[in-house]
Amino acid sequence: MVMPADLFRQVMQLPEDELRRLRSIIDERLGDEQVDADATEAWDAEIARRSAEVDAGTAETVSLEEFDAFLEERRRRRAAAGNG
């Protein structure tokens, strides 16, 4: 079984055209949700911008370990607050 964090890391390494294809497949799978064309266009632009930053080496990134620690701390805070 593929762990979500591993899958996420693999997906984020895909080229932009493959990300778009994957999103299209997921949209089809979810089916009955209405997709807002303006939102889709805005997300496409955001994905392109972020991909360009990563390619240029100007993106601020975090390691998988840092991201996992962030999520764990967030879970702890929510649990302490009674929200999950």
Protein backbone atom coordinates (compact mmCIF):
# COMPACT_ATOMS: atom_id res chain seq x y z
CA MET A 1 0.00 0.00 0.00
CA VAL A 2 1.29 3.46 -0.90
CA MET A 3 1.38 5.89 2.00
CA PRO A 4 -0.34 9.26 1.35
CA ALA A 5 2.84 11.26 2.08
CA ASP A 6 4.80 9.13 -0.41
CA LEU A 7 2.08 9.48 -3.01
CA PHE A 8 1.93 13.25 -2.46
CA ARG A 9 5.69 13.53 -2.90
CA GLN A 10 5.53 11.52 -6.14
CA VAL A 11 2.62 13.56 -7.49
CA MET A 12 4.39 16.84 -6.77
CA GLN A 13 7.34 15.66 -8.89
CA LEU A 14 5.14 15.20 -11.98
CA PRO A 15 5.51 17.63 -14.87
CA GLU A 16 2.74 20.20 -15.24
CA ASP A 17 0.99 18.39 -18.10
CA GLU A 18 0.82 15.19 -16.06
CA LEU A 19 -0.56 17.12 -13.07
CA ARG A 20 -3.30 18.51 -15.29
CA ARG A 21 -4.07 15.03 -16.61
CA LEU A 22 -4.22 13.62 -13.09
CA ARG A 23 -6.51 16.43 -11.97
CA SER A 24 -8.79 15.71 -14.91
CA ILE A 25 -8.97 12.03 -13.97
CA ILE A 26 -9.76 12.92 -10.35
CA ASP A 27 -12.42 15.42 -11.46
CA GLU A 28 -14.03 12.70 -13.58
CA ARG A 29 -13.91 10.24 -10.68
CA LEU A 30 -15.58 12.70 -8.31
CA GLY A 31 -18.08 13.32 -11.08
CA ASP A 32 -21.06 15.12 -9.70
CA GLU A 33 -19.22 18.08 -8.19
CA GLN A 34 -19.64 21.25 -10.21
CA VAL A 35 -16.31 22.59 -11.44
CA ASP A 36 -16.05 26.37 -11.64
CA ALA A 37 -14.22 27.24 -14.88
CA ASP A 38 -12.81 30.45 -13.41
CA ALA A 39 -11.49 28.60 -10.38
CA THR A 40 -9.98 25.92 -12.62
CA GLU A 41 -8.26 28.57 -14.70
CA ALA A 42 -6.96 30.31 -11.58
CA TRP A 43 -5.61 27.02 -10.19
CA ASP A 44 -3.95 26.23 -13.52
CA ALA A 45 -2.17 29.59 -13.36
CA GLU A 46 -1.18 29.01 -9.73
CA ILE A 47 0.20 25.54 -10.52
CA ALA A 48 2.20 26.98 -13.42
CA ARG A 49 3.56 29.80 -11.22
CA ARG A 50 4.59 27.45 -8.43
CA SER A 51 6.12 24.96 -10.87
CA ALA A 52 8.17 27.76 -12.41
CA GLU A 53 9.40 28.81 -8.94
CA VAL A 54 10.45 25.24 -8.14
CA ASP A 55 12.20 24.90 -11.50
CA ALA A 56 13.99 28.23 -10.99
CA GLY A 57 15.05 27.29 -7.47
CA THR A 58 13.28 30.31 -5.97
CA ALA A 59 10.46 28.42 -4.24
CA GLU A 60 10.53 28.17 -0.48
CA THR A 61 10.25 24.44 0.17
CA VAL A 62 10.16 22.19 3.22
CA SER A 63 11.32 18.62 3.61
CA LEU A 64 8.83 15.80 4.01
CA GLU A 65 9.96 15.48 7.62
CA GLU A 66 9.23 19.17 8.28
CA PHE A 67 5.82 18.83 6.65
CA ASP A 68 5.00 15.72 8.71
CA ALA A 69 6.05 17.56 11.89
CA PHE A 70 3.85 20.50 10.93
CA LEU A 71 0.85 18.21 10.40
CA GLU A 72 1.46 16.36 13.65
CA GLU A 73 1.64 19.63 15.60
CA ARG A 74 -1.56 20.81 13.92
CA ARG A 75 -3.30 17.55 14.86
CA ARG A 76 -2.12 17.93 18.46
CA ARG A 77 -3.43 21.49 18.68
CA ARG A 78 -6.80 20.52 17.21
CA ALA A 79 -7.10 17.54 19.55
CA ALA A 80 -6.23 19.74 22.54
CA ALA A 81 -8.88 22.24 21.44
CA GLY A 82 -11.43 19.44 21.02
CA ASN A 83 -11.64 19.83 17.24
CA GLY A 84 -10.44 16.51 16.11
